Full PDB file with SEQRES, HELIX, SHEET, SSBOND, CRYST1, ORIGX, SCALE, CONECT and MASTER records, all heavy atoms in Angstrom:
SEQRES   1 A   39  ALA PRO GLU THR VAL ARG HIS THR TRP TRP ARG VAL ARG          
SEQRES   2 A   39  ARG ASP VAL ALA ALA ALA MET ASP ARG ARG THR VAL GLY          
SEQRES   3 A   39  LYS PRO PRO LYS PRO ALA VAL THR PRO VAL SER ARG PRO          
HELIX    1 AA1 PRO A    2  THR A   24  1                                  23    
CRYST1    1.000    1.000    1.000  90.00  90.00  90.00 P 1           1          
ORIGX1      1.000000  0.000000  0.000000        0.00000                         
ORIGX2      0.000000  1.000000  0.000000        0.00000                         
ORIGX3      0.000000  0.000000  1.000000        0.00000                         
SCALE1      1.000000  0.000000  0.000000        0.00000                         
SCALE2      0.000000  1.000000  0.000000        0.00000                         
SCALE3      0.000000  0.000000  1.000000        0.00000                         
ATOM      1  N   ALA A   1     -18.987   6.478 -38.267  1.00  0.00           N  
ATOM      2  CA  ALA A   1     -20.364   6.827 -37.926  1.00  0.00           C  
ATOM      3  C   ALA A   1     -21.206   5.562 -37.782  1.00  0.00           C  
ATOM      4  O   ALA A   1     -20.950   4.556 -38.453  1.00  0.00           O  
ATOM      5  CB  ALA A   1     -20.953   7.728 -39.012  1.00  0.00           C  
ATOM      6  N   PRO A   2     -22.202   5.613 -36.899  1.00  0.00           N  
ATOM      7  CA  PRO A   2     -23.083   4.447 -36.732  1.00  0.00           C  
ATOM      8  C   PRO A   2     -23.730   3.998 -38.043  1.00  0.00           C  
ATOM      9  O   PRO A   2     -23.843   2.797 -38.309  1.00  0.00           O  
ATOM     10  CB  PRO A   2     -24.145   4.929 -35.735  1.00  0.00           C  
ATOM     11  CG  PRO A   2     -23.475   6.030 -34.989  1.00  0.00           C  
ATOM     12  CD  PRO A   2     -22.531   6.669 -35.952  1.00  0.00           C  
ATOM     13  N   GLU A   3     -24.133   4.957 -38.887  1.00  0.00           N  
ATOM     14  CA  GLU A   3     -24.737   4.600 -40.180  1.00  0.00           C  
ATOM     15  C   GLU A   3     -23.736   3.880 -41.073  1.00  0.00           C  
ATOM     16  O   GLU A   3     -24.103   2.987 -41.832  1.00  0.00           O  
ATOM     17  CB  GLU A   3     -25.268   5.848 -40.890  1.00  0.00           C  
ATOM     18  CG  GLU A   3     -26.544   6.372 -40.287  1.00  0.00           C  
ATOM     19  CD  GLU A   3     -27.679   5.357 -40.390  1.00  0.00           C  
ATOM     20  OE1 GLU A   3     -27.986   4.896 -41.504  1.00  0.00           O  
ATOM     21  OE2 GLU A   3     -28.265   5.037 -39.342  1.00  0.00           O  
ATOM     22  N   THR A   4     -22.471   4.242 -40.975  1.00  0.00           N  
ATOM     23  CA  THR A   4     -21.431   3.584 -41.766  1.00  0.00           C  
ATOM     24  C   THR A   4     -21.297   2.125 -41.340  1.00  0.00           C  
ATOM     25  O   THR A   4     -21.174   1.234 -42.182  1.00  0.00           O  
ATOM     26  CB  THR A   4     -20.080   4.309 -41.598  1.00  0.00           C  
ATOM     27  OG1 THR A   4     -20.245   5.660 -42.012  1.00  0.00           O  
ATOM     28  CG2 THR A   4     -18.991   3.639 -42.407  1.00  0.00           C  
ATOM     29  N   VAL A   5     -21.345   1.885 -40.030  1.00  0.00           N  
ATOM     30  CA  VAL A   5     -21.254   0.505 -39.527  1.00  0.00           C  
ATOM     31  C   VAL A   5     -22.446  -0.296 -40.038  1.00  0.00           C  
ATOM     32  O   VAL A   5     -22.294  -1.418 -40.538  1.00  0.00           O  
ATOM     33  CB  VAL A   5     -21.195   0.481 -37.983  1.00  0.00           C  
ATOM     34  CG1 VAL A   5     -21.206  -0.954 -37.473  1.00  0.00           C  
ATOM     35  CG2 VAL A   5     -19.962   1.213 -37.483  1.00  0.00           C  
ATOM     36  N   ARG A   6     -23.632   0.289 -39.939  1.00  0.00           N  
ATOM     37  CA  ARG A   6     -24.848  -0.420 -40.364  1.00  0.00           C  
ATOM     38  C   ARG A   6     -24.819  -0.714 -41.856  1.00  0.00           C  
ATOM     39  O   ARG A   6     -25.090  -1.843 -42.288  1.00  0.00           O  
ATOM     40  CB  ARG A   6     -26.079   0.416 -40.025  1.00  0.00           C  
ATOM     41  CG  ARG A   6     -27.390  -0.278 -40.316  1.00  0.00           C  
ATOM     42  CD  ARG A   6     -28.545   0.461 -39.679  1.00  0.00           C  
ATOM     43  NE  ARG A   6     -28.699   1.803 -40.172  1.00  0.00           N  
ATOM     44  CZ  ARG A   6     -29.565   2.163 -41.119  1.00  0.00           C  
ATOM     45  NH1 ARG A   6     -30.348   1.262 -41.668  1.00  0.00           N  
ATOM     46  NH2 ARG A   6     -29.652   3.415 -41.508  1.00  0.00           N  
ATOM     47  N   HIS A   7     -24.448   0.252 -42.673  1.00  0.00           N  
ATOM     48  CA  HIS A   7     -24.401   0.049 -44.125  1.00  0.00           C  
ATOM     49  C   HIS A   7     -23.296  -0.925 -44.522  1.00  0.00           C  
ATOM     50  O   HIS A   7     -23.474  -1.727 -45.452  1.00  0.00           O  
ATOM     51  CB  HIS A   7     -24.222   1.383 -44.858  1.00  0.00           C  
ATOM     52  CG  HIS A   7     -25.462   2.211 -44.864  1.00  0.00           C  
ATOM     53  ND1 HIS A   7     -26.427   2.104 -45.826  1.00  0.00           N  
ATOM     54  CD2 HIS A   7     -25.913   3.144 -43.985  1.00  0.00           C  
ATOM     55  CE1 HIS A   7     -27.418   2.939 -45.563  1.00  0.00           C  
ATOM     56  NE2 HIS A   7     -27.131   3.580 -44.444  1.00  0.00           N  
ATOM     57  N   THR A   8     -22.177  -0.867 -43.812  1.00  0.00           N  
ATOM     58  CA  THR A   8     -21.103  -1.819 -44.101  1.00  0.00           C  
ATOM     59  C   THR A   8     -21.567  -3.228 -43.785  1.00  0.00           C  
ATOM     60  O   THR A   8     -21.301  -4.166 -44.550  1.00  0.00           O  
ATOM     61  CB  THR A   8     -19.835  -1.467 -43.293  1.00  0.00           C  
ATOM     62  OG1 THR A   8     -19.450  -0.131 -43.610  1.00  0.00           O  
ATOM     63  CG2 THR A   8     -18.700  -2.417 -43.616  1.00  0.00           C  
ATOM     64  N   TRP A   9     -22.288  -3.408 -42.690  1.00  0.00           N  
ATOM     65  CA  TRP A   9     -22.810  -4.731 -42.340  1.00  0.00           C  
ATOM     66  C   TRP A   9     -23.784  -5.214 -43.410  1.00  0.00           C  
ATOM     67  O   TRP A   9     -23.776  -6.379 -43.798  1.00  0.00           O  
ATOM     68  CB  TRP A   9     -23.471  -4.704 -40.963  1.00  0.00           C  
ATOM     69  CG  TRP A   9     -24.145  -5.981 -40.607  1.00  0.00           C  
ATOM     70  CD1 TRP A   9     -25.458  -6.167 -40.309  1.00  0.00           C  
ATOM     71  CD2 TRP A   9     -23.552  -7.286 -40.511  1.00  0.00           C  
ATOM     72  NE1 TRP A   9     -25.717  -7.487 -40.047  1.00  0.00           N  
ATOM     73  CE2 TRP A   9     -24.564  -8.193 -40.156  1.00  0.00           C  
ATOM     74  CE3 TRP A   9     -22.259  -7.771 -40.708  1.00  0.00           C  
ATOM     75  CZ2 TRP A   9     -24.324  -9.562 -39.991  1.00  0.00           C  
ATOM     76  CZ3 TRP A   9     -22.020  -9.132 -40.534  1.00  0.00           C  
ATOM     77  CH2 TRP A   9     -23.042 -10.003 -40.181  1.00  0.00           C  
ATOM     78  N   TRP A  10     -24.623  -4.332 -43.941  1.00  0.00           N  
ATOM     79  CA  TRP A  10     -25.537  -4.717 -45.024  1.00  0.00           C  
ATOM     80  C   TRP A  10     -24.757  -5.195 -46.246  1.00  0.00           C  
ATOM     81  O   TRP A  10     -25.122  -6.182 -46.877  1.00  0.00           O  
ATOM     82  CB  TRP A  10     -26.430  -3.548 -45.422  1.00  0.00           C  
ATOM     83  CG  TRP A  10     -27.540  -3.242 -44.466  1.00  0.00           C  
ATOM     84  CD1 TRP A  10     -27.964  -3.988 -43.407  1.00  0.00           C  
ATOM     85  CD2 TRP A  10     -28.367  -2.077 -44.482  1.00  0.00           C  
ATOM     86  NE1 TRP A  10     -28.993  -3.370 -42.757  1.00  0.00           N  
ATOM     87  CE2 TRP A  10     -29.271  -2.187 -43.401  1.00  0.00           C  
ATOM     88  CE3 TRP A  10     -28.416  -0.966 -45.291  1.00  0.00           C  
ATOM     89  CZ2 TRP A  10     -30.225  -1.223 -43.131  1.00  0.00           C  
ATOM     90  CZ3 TRP A  10     -29.374  -0.008 -45.015  1.00  0.00           C  
ATOM     91  CH2 TRP A  10     -30.270  -0.135 -43.945  1.00  0.00           C  
ATOM     92  N   ARG A  11     -23.686  -4.465 -46.600  1.00  0.00           N  
ATOM     93  CA  ARG A  11     -22.883  -4.869 -47.761  1.00  0.00           C  
ATOM     94  C   ARG A  11     -22.217  -6.222 -47.530  1.00  0.00           C  
ATOM     95  O   ARG A  11     -22.166  -7.054 -48.432  1.00  0.00           O  
ATOM     96  CB  ARG A  11     -21.839  -3.803 -48.085  1.00  0.00           C  
ATOM     97  CG  ARG A  11     -22.412  -2.610 -48.818  1.00  0.00           C  
ATOM     98  CD  ARG A  11     -21.334  -1.710 -49.382  1.00  0.00           C  
ATOM     99  NE  ARG A  11     -20.486  -1.121 -48.363  1.00  0.00           N  
ATOM    100  CZ  ARG A  11     -20.783  -0.027 -47.660  1.00  0.00           C  
ATOM    101  NH1 ARG A  11     -21.922   0.590 -47.868  1.00  0.00           N  
ATOM    102  NH2 ARG A  11     -19.951   0.437 -46.763  1.00  0.00           N  
ATOM    103  N   VAL A  12     -21.720  -6.439 -46.317  1.00  0.00           N  
ATOM    104  CA  VAL A  12     -21.092  -7.733 -46.007  1.00  0.00           C  
ATOM    105  C   VAL A  12     -22.124  -8.845 -46.136  1.00  0.00           C  
ATOM    106  O   VAL A  12     -21.853  -9.887 -46.755  1.00  0.00           O  
ATOM    107  CB  VAL A  12     -20.462  -7.713 -44.596  1.00  0.00           C  
ATOM    108  CG1 VAL A  12     -20.081  -9.114 -44.147  1.00  0.00           C  
ATOM    109  CG2 VAL A  12     -19.241  -6.806 -44.575  1.00  0.00           C  
ATOM    110  N   ARG A  13     -23.310  -8.661 -45.581  1.00  0.00           N  
ATOM    111  CA  ARG A  13     -24.360  -9.684 -45.678  1.00  0.00           C  
ATOM    112  C   ARG A  13     -24.720  -9.960 -47.131  1.00  0.00           C  
ATOM    113  O   ARG A  13     -24.865 -11.114 -47.540  1.00  0.00           O  
ATOM    114  CB  ARG A  13     -25.608  -9.231 -44.911  1.00  0.00           C  
ATOM    115  CG  ARG A  13     -25.411  -9.282 -43.412  1.00  0.00           C  
ATOM    116  CD  ARG A  13     -26.613  -8.794 -42.654  1.00  0.00           C  
ATOM    117  NE  ARG A  13     -27.824  -9.447 -43.112  1.00  0.00           N  
ATOM    118  CZ  ARG A  13     -29.043  -8.972 -42.889  1.00  0.00           C  
ATOM    119  NH1 ARG A  13     -29.223  -7.854 -42.254  1.00  0.00           N  
ATOM    120  NH2 ARG A  13     -30.101  -9.622 -43.325  1.00  0.00           N  
ATOM    121  N   ARG A  14     -24.859  -8.912 -47.929  1.00  0.00           N  
ATOM    122  CA  ARG A  14     -25.179  -9.066 -49.355  1.00  0.00           C  
ATOM    123  C   ARG A  14     -24.079  -9.845 -50.074  1.00  0.00           C  
ATOM    124  O   ARG A  14     -24.352 -10.763 -50.840  1.00  0.00           O  
ATOM    125  CB  ARG A  14     -25.361  -7.692 -49.993  1.00  0.00           C  
ATOM    126  CG  ARG A  14     -25.648  -7.732 -51.483  1.00  0.00           C  
ATOM    127  CD  ARG A  14     -25.366  -6.430 -52.154  1.00  0.00           C  
ATOM    128  NE  ARG A  14     -23.947  -6.111 -52.031  1.00  0.00           N  
ATOM    129  CZ  ARG A  14     -23.443  -4.893 -52.130  1.00  0.00           C  
ATOM    130  NH1 ARG A  14     -24.232  -3.864 -52.320  1.00  0.00           N  
ATOM    131  NH2 ARG A  14     -22.154  -4.692 -52.022  1.00  0.00           N  
ATOM    132  N   ASP A  15     -22.826  -9.491 -49.809  1.00  0.00           N  
ATOM    133  CA  ASP A  15     -21.708 -10.141 -50.483  1.00  0.00           C  
ATOM    134  C   ASP A  15     -21.554 -11.601 -50.062  1.00  0.00           C  
ATOM    135  O   ASP A  15     -21.251 -12.460 -50.894  1.00  0.00           O  
ATOM    136  CB  ASP A  15     -20.413  -9.373 -50.228  1.00  0.00           C  
ATOM    137  CG  ASP A  15     -20.416  -7.990 -50.868  1.00  0.00           C  
ATOM    138  OD1 ASP A  15     -21.341  -7.689 -51.659  1.00  0.00           O  
ATOM    139  OD2 ASP A  15     -19.499  -7.202 -50.557  1.00  0.00           O  
ATOM    140  N   VAL A  16     -21.772 -11.894 -48.792  1.00  0.00           N  
ATOM    141  CA  VAL A  16     -21.687 -13.282 -48.326  1.00  0.00           C  
ATOM    142  C   VAL A  16     -22.807 -14.110 -48.952  1.00  0.00           C  
ATOM    143  O   VAL A  16     -22.583 -15.232 -49.416  1.00  0.00           O  
ATOM    144  CB  VAL A  16     -21.729 -13.349 -46.778  1.00  0.00           C  
ATOM    145  CG1 VAL A  16     -21.945 -14.764 -46.288  1.00  0.00           C  
ATOM    146  CG2 VAL A  16     -20.442 -12.777 -46.194  1.00  0.00           C  
ATOM    147  N   ALA A  17     -24.015 -13.548 -49.012  1.00  0.00           N  
ATOM    148  CA  ALA A  17     -25.132 -14.270 -49.637  1.00  0.00           C  
ATOM    149  C   ALA A  17     -24.858 -14.516 -51.119  1.00  0.00           C  
ATOM    150  O   ALA A  17     -25.133 -15.606 -51.640  1.00  0.00           O  
ATOM    151  CB  ALA A  17     -26.431 -13.483 -49.459  1.00  0.00           C  
ATOM    152  N   ALA A  18     -24.300 -13.525 -51.812  1.00  0.00           N  
ATOM    153  CA  ALA A  18     -23.983 -13.690 -53.234  1.00  0.00           C  
ATOM    154  C   ALA A  18     -22.914 -14.758 -53.423  1.00  0.00           C  
ATOM    155  O   ALA A  18     -22.987 -15.560 -54.369  1.00  0.00           O  
ATOM    156  CB  ALA A  18     -23.517 -12.363 -53.831  1.00  0.00           C  
ATOM    157  N   ALA A  19     -21.935 -14.785 -52.540  1.00  0.00           N  
ATOM    158  CA  ALA A  19     -20.885 -15.805 -52.638  1.00  0.00           C  
ATOM    159  C   ALA A  19     -21.463 -17.198 -52.419  1.00  0.00           C  
ATOM    160  O   ALA A  19     -21.085 -18.153 -53.105  1.00  0.00           O  
ATOM    161  CB  ALA A  19     -19.777 -15.529 -51.624  1.00  0.00           C  
ATOM    162  N   MET A  20     -22.388 -17.316 -51.490  1.00  0.00           N  
ATOM    163  CA  MET A  20     -23.023 -18.616 -51.255  1.00  0.00           C  
ATOM    164  C   MET A  20     -23.853 -19.037 -52.458  1.00  0.00           C  
ATOM    165  O   MET A  20     -23.854 -20.205 -52.837  1.00  0.00           O  
ATOM    166  CB  MET A  20     -23.881 -18.565 -49.992  1.00  0.00           C  
ATOM    167  CG  MET A  20     -23.046 -18.453 -48.726  1.00  0.00           C  
ATOM    168  SD  MET A  20     -24.035 -18.223 -47.248  1.00  0.00           S  
ATOM    169  CE  MET A  20     -24.849 -19.794 -47.135  1.00  0.00           C  
ATOM    170  N   ASP A  21     -24.560 -18.080 -53.083  1.00  0.00           N  
ATOM    171  CA  ASP A  21     -25.339 -18.389 -54.280  1.00  0.00           C  
ATOM    172  C   ASP A  21     -24.440 -18.861 -55.416  1.00  0.00           C  
ATOM    173  O   ASP A  21     -24.782 -19.793 -56.134  1.00  0.00           O  
ATOM    174  CB  ASP A  21     -26.141 -17.169 -54.739  1.00  0.00           C  
ATOM    175  CG  ASP A  21     -27.331 -16.891 -53.848  1.00  0.00           C  
ATOM    176  OD1 ASP A  21     -27.705 -17.779 -53.053  1.00  0.00           O  
ATOM    177  OD2 ASP A  21     -27.886 -15.778 -53.946  1.00  0.00           O  
ATOM    178  N   ARG A  22     -23.287 -18.213 -55.579  1.00  0.00           N  
ATOM    179  CA  ARG A  22     -22.368 -18.616 -56.644  1.00  0.00           C  
ATOM    180  C   ARG A  22     -21.857 -20.027 -56.419  1.00  0.00           C  
ATOM    181  O   ARG A  22     -21.617 -20.764 -57.370  1.00  0.00           O  
ATOM    182  CB  ARG A  22     -21.186 -17.646 -56.727  1.00  0.00           C  
ATOM    183  CG  ARG A  22     -21.517 -16.350 -57.424  1.00  0.00           C  
ATOM    184  CD  ARG A  22     -20.272 -15.547 -57.730  1.00  0.00           C  
ATOM    185  NE  ARG A  22     -19.477 -15.226 -56.567  1.00  0.00           N  
ATOM    186  CZ  ARG A  22     -19.613 -14.145 -55.805  1.00  0.00           C  
ATOM    187  NH1 ARG A  22     -20.544 -13.267 -56.095  1.00  0.00           N  
ATOM    188  NH2 ARG A  22     -18.832 -13.936 -54.764  1.00  0.00           N  
ATOM    189  N   ARG A  23     -21.664 -20.404 -55.181  1.00  0.00           N  
ATOM    190  CA  ARG A  23     -21.180 -21.766 -54.897  1.00  0.00           C  
ATOM    191  C   ARG A  23     -22.238 -22.816 -55.200  1.00  0.00           C  
ATOM    192  O   ARG A  23     -21.920 -23.935 -55.556  1.00  0.00           O  
ATOM    193  CB  ARG A  23     -20.782 -21.891 -53.424  1.00  0.00           C  
ATOM    194  CG  ARG A  23     -19.474 -21.237 -53.123  1.00  0.00           C  
ATOM    195  CD  ARG A  23     -19.055 -21.509 -51.698  1.00  0.00           C  
ATOM    196  NE  ARG A  23     -18.343 -20.361 -51.211  1.00  0.00           N  
ATOM    197  CZ  ARG A  23     -18.587 -19.723 -50.083  1.00  0.00           C  
ATOM    198  NH1 ARG A  23     -19.514 -20.158 -49.276  1.00  0.00           N  
ATOM    199  NH2 ARG A  23     -17.902 -18.676 -49.735  1.00  0.00           N  
ATOM    200  N   THR A  24     -23.511 -22.462 -55.019  1.00  0.00           N  
ATOM    201  CA  THR A  24     -24.571 -23.445 -55.210  1.00  0.00           C  
ATOM    202  C   THR A  24     -25.149 -23.450 -56.615  1.00  0.00           C  
ATOM    203  O   THR A  24     -25.868 -24.365 -56.970  1.00  0.00           O  
ATOM    204  CB  THR A  24     -25.715 -23.221 -54.199  1.00  0.00           C  
ATOM    205  OG1 THR A  24     -26.229 -21.903 -54.363  1.00  0.00           O  
ATOM    206  CG2 THR A  24     -25.233 -23.416 -52.788  1.00  0.00           C  
ATOM    207  N   VAL A  25     -24.854 -22.429 -57.433  1.00  0.00           N  
ATOM    208  CA  VAL A  25     -25.373 -22.382 -58.807  1.00  0.00           C  
ATOM    209  C   VAL A  25     -24.742 -23.520 -59.600  1.00  0.00           C  
ATOM    210  O   VAL A  25     -23.555 -23.770 -59.539  1.00  0.00           O  
ATOM    211  CB  VAL A  25     -25.054 -21.027 -59.465  1.00  0.00           C  
ATOM    212  CG1 VAL A  25     -25.324 -21.070 -60.952  1.00  0.00           C  
ATOM    213  CG2 VAL A  25     -25.870 -19.936 -58.817  1.00  0.00           C  
ATOM    214  N   GLY A  26     -25.561 -24.215 -60.341  1.00  0.00           N  
ATOM    215  CA  GLY A  26     -25.062 -25.305 -61.171  1.00  0.00           C  
ATOM    216  C   GLY A  26     -25.053 -26.650 -60.469  1.00  0.00           C  
ATOM    217  O   GLY A  26     -24.919 -27.673 -61.101  1.00  0.00           O  
ATOM    218  N   LYS A  27     -25.209 -26.652 -59.168  1.00  0.00           N  
ATOM    219  CA  LYS A  27     -25.266 -27.912 -58.444  1.00  0.00           C  
ATOM    220  C   LYS A  27     -26.733 -28.242 -58.197  1.00  0.00           C  
ATOM    221  O   LYS A  27     -27.404 -27.559 -57.437  1.00  0.00           O  
ATOM    222  CB  LYS A  27     -24.551 -27.802 -57.096  1.00  0.00           C  
ATOM    223  CG  LYS A  27     -23.070 -27.600 -57.193  1.00  0.00           C  
ATOM    224  CD  LYS A  27     -22.463 -27.546 -55.814  1.00  0.00           C  
ATOM    225  CE  LYS A  27     -20.976 -27.268 -55.863  1.00  0.00           C  
ATOM    226  NZ  LYS A  27     -20.406 -27.148 -54.515  1.00  0.00           N  
ATOM    227  N   PRO A  28     -27.245 -29.264 -58.850  1.00  0.00           N  
ATOM    228  CA  PRO A  28     -28.639 -29.609 -58.618  1.00  0.00           C  
ATOM    229  C   PRO A  28     -28.804 -30.159 -57.198  1.00  0.00           C  
ATOM    230  O   PRO A  28     -27.904 -30.814 -56.672  1.00  0.00           O  
ATOM    231  CB  PRO A  28     -28.935 -30.689 -59.667  1.00  0.00           C  
ATOM    232  CG  PRO A  28     -27.603 -31.262 -60.004  1.00  0.00           C  
ATOM    233  CD  PRO A  28     -26.607 -30.162 -59.806  1.00  0.00           C  
ATOM    234  N   PRO A  29     -29.935 -29.886 -56.569  1.00  0.00           N  
ATOM    235  CA  PRO A  29     -30.135 -30.418 -55.224  1.00  0.00           C  
ATOM    236  C   PRO A  29     -30.211 -31.939 -55.257  1.00  0.00           C  
ATOM    237  O   PRO A  29     -30.711 -32.528 -56.220  1.00  0.00           O  
ATOM    238  CB  PRO A  29     -31.467 -29.809 -54.787  1.00  0.00           C  
ATOM    239  CG  PRO A  29     -32.151 -29.446 -56.048  1.00  0.00           C  
ATOM    240  CD  PRO A  29     -31.066 -29.135 -57.044  1.00  0.00           C  
ATOM    241  N   LYS A  30     -29.693 -32.552 -54.232  1.00  0.00           N  
ATOM    242  CA  LYS A  30     -29.742 -34.011 -54.162  1.00  0.00           C  
ATOM    243  C   LYS A  30     -31.169 -34.438 -53.845  1.00  0.00           C  
ATOM    244  O   LYS A  30     -31.827 -33.851 -52.980  1.00  0.00           O  
ATOM    245  CB  LYS A  30     -28.790 -34.514 -53.083  1.00  0.00           C  
ATOM    246  CG  LYS A  30     -27.351 -34.272 -53.431  1.00  0.00           C  
ATOM    247  CD  LYS A  30     -26.437 -34.906 -52.435  1.00  0.00           C  
ATOM    248  CE  LYS A  30     -25.001 -34.687 -52.855  1.00  0.00           C  
ATOM    249  NZ  LYS A  30     -24.069 -35.365 -51.993  1.00  0.00           N  
ATOM    250  N   PRO A  31     -31.668 -35.460 -54.529  1.00  0.00           N  
ATOM    251  CA  PRO A  31     -33.035 -35.895 -54.255  1.00  0.00           C  
ATOM    252  C   PRO A  31     -33.139 -36.527 -52.877  1.00  0.00           C  
ATOM    253  O   PRO A  31     -32.204 -37.172 -52.394  1.00  0.00           O  
ATOM    254  CB  PRO A  31     -33.322 -36.924 -55.355  1.00  0.00           C  
ATOM    255  CG  PRO A  31     -31.978 -37.385 -55.803  1.00  0.00           C  
ATOM    256  CD  PRO A  31     -31.034 -36.241 -55.577  1.00  0.00           C  
ATOM    257  N   ALA A  32     -34.280 -36.331 -52.231  1.00  0.00           N  
ATOM    258  CA  ALA A  32     -34.488 -36.907 -50.911  1.00  0.00           C  
ATOM    259  C   ALA A  32     -34.612 -38.424 -51.011  1.00  0.00           C  
ATOM    260  O   ALA A  32     -34.241 -39.153 -50.102  1.00  0.00           O  
ATOM    261  CB  ALA A  32     -35.745 -36.324 -50.276  1.00  0.00           C  
ATOM    262  N   VAL A  33     -35.133 -38.887 -52.130  1.00  0.00           N  
ATOM    263  CA  VAL A  33     -35.307 -40.322 -52.353  1.00  0.00           C  
ATOM    264  C   VAL A  33     -34.642 -40.664 -53.681  1.00  0.00           C  
ATOM    265  O   VAL A  33     -34.775 -39.941 -54.657  1.00  0.00           O  
ATOM    266  CB  VAL A  33     -36.807 -40.689 -52.418  1.00  0.00           C  
ATOM    267  CG1 VAL A  33     -37.006 -42.155 -52.692  1.00  0.00           C  
ATOM    268  CG2 VAL A  33     -37.500 -40.279 -51.134  1.00  0.00           C  
ATOM    269  N   THR A  34     -33.931 -41.759 -53.705  1.00  0.00           N  
ATOM    270  CA  THR A  34     -33.287 -42.183 -54.937  1.00  0.00           C  
ATOM    271  C   THR A  34     -34.347 -42.700 -55.896  1.00  0.00           C  
ATOM    272  O   THR A  34     -35.124 -43.589 -55.546  1.00  0.00           O  
ATOM    273  CB  THR A  34     -32.261 -43.291 -54.659  1.00  0.00           C  
ATOM    274  OG1 THR A  34     -31.348 -42.820 -53.671  1.00  0.00           O  
ATOM    275  CG2 THR A  34     -31.526 -43.669 -55.912  1.00  0.00           C  
ATOM    276  N   PRO A  35     -34.434 -42.142 -57.101  1.00  0.00           N  
ATOM    277  CA  PRO A  35     -35.451 -42.617 -58.038  1.00  0.00           C  
ATOM    278  C   PRO A  35     -35.154 -44.034 -58.510  1.00  0.00           C  
ATOM    279  O   PRO A  35     -34.006 -44.421 -58.672  1.00  0.00           O  
ATOM    280  CB  PRO A  35     -35.358 -41.636 -59.198  1.00  0.00           C  
ATOM    281  CG  PRO A  35     -34.052 -40.965 -59.062  1.00  0.00           C  
ATOM    282  CD  PRO A  35     -33.635 -41.069 -57.634  1.00  0.00           C  
ATOM    283  N   VAL A  36     -36.212 -44.798 -58.682  1.00  0.00           N  
ATOM    284  CA  VAL A  36     -36.092 -46.176 -59.150  1.00  0.00           C  
ATOM    285  C   VAL A  36     -36.614 -46.220 -60.570  1.00  0.00           C  
ATOM    286  O   VAL A  36     -37.710 -45.735 -60.856  1.00  0.00           O  
ATOM    287  CB  VAL A  36     -36.935 -47.125 -58.255  1.00  0.00           C  
ATOM    288  CG1 VAL A  36     -36.886 -48.540 -58.782  1.00  0.00           C  
ATOM    289  CG2 VAL A  36     -36.453 -47.062 -56.827  1.00  0.00           C  
ATOM    290  N   SER A  37     -35.833 -46.783 -61.455  1.00  0.00           N  
ATOM    291  CA  SER A  37     -36.301 -46.888 -62.829  1.00  0.00           C  
ATOM    292  C   SER A  37     -36.891 -48.282 -63.042  1.00  0.00           C  
ATOM    293  O   SER A  37     -36.341 -49.277 -62.607  1.00  0.00           O  
ATOM    294  CB  SER A  37     -35.157 -46.631 -63.810  1.00  0.00           C  
ATOM    295  OG  SER A  37     -34.143 -47.588 -63.609  1.00  0.00           O  
ATOM    296  N   ARG A  38     -38.016 -48.280 -63.696  1.00  0.00           N  
ATOM    297  CA  ARG A  38     -38.694 -49.542 -63.991  1.00  0.00           C  
ATOM    298  C   ARG A  38     -38.790 -49.687 -65.498  1.00  0.00           C  
ATOM    299  O   ARG A  38     -38.940 -48.703 -66.209  1.00  0.00           O  
ATOM    300  CB  ARG A  38     -40.091 -49.540 -63.388  1.00  0.00           C  
ATOM    301  CG  ARG A  38     -40.069 -49.474 -61.893  1.00  0.00           C  
ATOM    302  CD  ARG A  38     -41.458 -49.566 -61.335  1.00  0.00           C  
ATOM    303  NE  ARG A  38     -41.369 -49.491 -59.880  1.00  0.00           N  
ATOM    304  CZ  ARG A  38     -42.340 -49.103 -59.107  1.00  0.00           C  
ATOM    305  NH1 ARG A  38     -43.505 -48.777 -59.625  1.00  0.00           N  
ATOM    306  NH2 ARG A  38     -42.182 -49.060 -57.808  1.00  0.00           N  
ATOM    307  N   PRO A  39     -38.747 -50.931 -65.976  1.00  0.00           N  
ATOM    308  CA  PRO A  39     -38.888 -51.109 -67.424  1.00  0.00           C  
ATOM    309  C   PRO A  39     -40.303 -50.731 -67.864  1.00  0.00           C  
ATOM    310  O   PRO A  39     -41.260 -50.888 -67.119  1.00  0.00           O  
ATOM    311  CB  PRO A  39     -38.618 -52.599 -67.637  1.00  0.00           C  
ATOM    312  CG  PRO A  39     -38.844 -53.240 -66.310  1.00  0.00           C  
ATOM    313  CD  PRO A  39     -38.558 -52.183 -65.274  1.00  0.00           C  
TER     314      PRO A  39                                                      
MASTER        0    0    0    1    0    0    0    6  313    1    0    3          
END                                                                             
């Protein structure tokens, strides 16, 4: 059924987004500029 295709696509999108979130959890974003430490 057309509704089955649409709902299946929603589940696939949700699952792919969750998988991407799991890959990025725990990895801090890289800073755009390297911080400089001064005494």
